[in-house]
Protein backbone atom coordinates (compact mmCIF):
# COMPACT_ATOMS: atom_id res chain seq x y z
CA MET A 1 -3.06 -12.04 -11.38
CA GLY A 2 -4.30 -9.89 -14.21
CA LEU A 3 -3.56 -6.21 -14.44
CA LEU A 4 -7.18 -5.17 -13.82
CA ALA A 5 -7.39 -7.42 -10.75
CA PHE A 6 -4.12 -5.94 -9.44
CA ILE A 7 -5.50 -2.39 -9.86
CA ILE A 8 -8.77 -3.27 -8.10
CA PHE A 9 -6.90 -5.09 -5.33
CA GLY A 10 -4.61 -2.06 -4.96
CA LEU A 11 -7.60 0.26 -4.69
CA ILE A 12 -9.16 -1.88 -1.95
CA ILE A 13 -5.88 -2.16 -0.03
CA GLY A 14 -5.31 1.60 -0.42
CA LEU A 15 -8.79 2.37 0.94
CA VAL A 16 -8.21 0.09 3.94
CA ALA A 17 -4.81 1.66 4.61
CA ARG A 18 -6.27 5.17 4.38
CA ALA A 19 -9.02 4.17 6.85
CA LEU A 20 -6.46 2.79 9.31
CA MET A 21 -3.97 5.67 9.11
CA PRO A 22 -4.80 8.45 11.57
CA GLY A 23 -5.16 11.96 10.21
CA ARG A 24 -6.45 13.28 6.92
CA GLN A 25 -5.06 12.02 3.65
CA SER A 26 -6.07 14.14 0.72
CA MET A 27 -5.68 11.90 -2.32
CA GLY A 28 -7.98 10.77 -5.07
CA LEU A 29 -8.89 7.28 -6.23
CA VAL A 30 -5.93 7.00 -8.59
CA ALA A 31 -3.44 7.92 -5.86
CA THR A 32 -5.20 5.53 -3.48
CA ALA A 33 -4.93 2.70 -6.03
CA LEU A 34 -1.25 3.49 -6.61
CA LEU A 35 -0.70 3.50 -2.85
CA GLY A 36 -2.35 0.11 -2.53
CA MET A 37 -0.38 -1.35 -5.44
CA ALA A 38 2.90 -0.07 -3.98
CA GLY A 39 1.88 -1.45 -0.58
CA SER A 40 1.07 -4.81 -2.13
CA PHE A 41 4.46 -4.90 -3.76
CA VAL A 42 6.29 -3.92 -0.55
CA GLY A 43 4.24 -6.32 1.59
CA GLY A 44 4.72 -9.16 -0.89
CA LEU A 45 8.44 -8.53 -1.08
CA ILE A 46 8.84 -8.51 2.71
CA GLY A 47 6.64 -11.59 3.08
CA SER A 48 8.55 -13.55 0.45
CA LEU A 49 11.86 -12.61 2.07
CA ILE A 50 10.67 -13.76 5.50
CA TYR A 51 8.69 -16.88 4.58
CA GLY A 52 10.36 -17.80 1.30
CA GLY A 53 7.22 -18.20 -0.79
CA ARG A 54 6.28 -16.87 -4.19
CA MET A 55 5.83 -13.13 -4.24
CA PHE A 56 2.62 -12.91 -6.27
CA GLU A 57 0.55 -15.59 -4.54
CA LEU A 58 -2.71 -14.46 -2.95
CA HIS A 59 -3.21 -15.60 0.64
CA SER A 60 -4.42 -14.07 3.91
CA ALA A 61 -0.94 -13.24 5.18
CA GLY A 62 -0.26 -11.51 1.87
CA ILE A 63 -3.38 -9.38 2.26
CA ILE A 64 -2.32 -8.33 5.77
CA GLY A 65 1.21 -7.71 4.50
CA SER A 66 -0.20 -5.59 1.69
CA VAL A 67 -2.09 -3.39 4.16
CA VAL A 68 1.01 -3.08 6.36
CA GLY A 69 3.10 -2.28 3.30
CA ALA A 70 0.62 0.39 2.19
CA LEU A 71 0.68 1.92 5.68
CA LEU A 72 4.48 1.95 5.55
CA VAL A 73 4.49 3.59 2.11
CA MET A 74 1.92 6.17 3.26
CA PHE A 75 3.98 6.94 6.36
CA LEU A 76 7.20 7.34 4.37
CA VAL A 77 5.54 9.57 1.78
CA GLY A 78 4.02 11.65 4.58
CA MET A 79 7.43 12.05 6.20
CA GLY A 80 9.20 13.02 2.98
CA GLY A 81 6.47 15.00 1.28
CA GLY A 82 5.46 17.30 4.11
CA ARG A 83 4.24 20.81 3.48
CA ARG A 84 6.99 23.35 3.28
CA VAL A 85 6.54 26.97 4.22
CA SER A 86 8.45 29.50 2.14
CA ALA A 87 9.51 32.76 3.66
């Protein structure tokens, strides 16, 4: 998959993940694309570990895994990067 296709795919996966995650996520298009690309990587890695296929193949289970991976990344970033109140 070419770099441009990976960025566009990441943007689409990031938008889907942001739509599925409850609450408000304040991030721009670049952060959404990065979220989707990280989710694609995490989902592909988990899928290849479970099913033993190639990591960068495009198939329907990989798309679902990418969305789940993006939701996981968004959840972990939300847990670690919460707003802190200084006294």
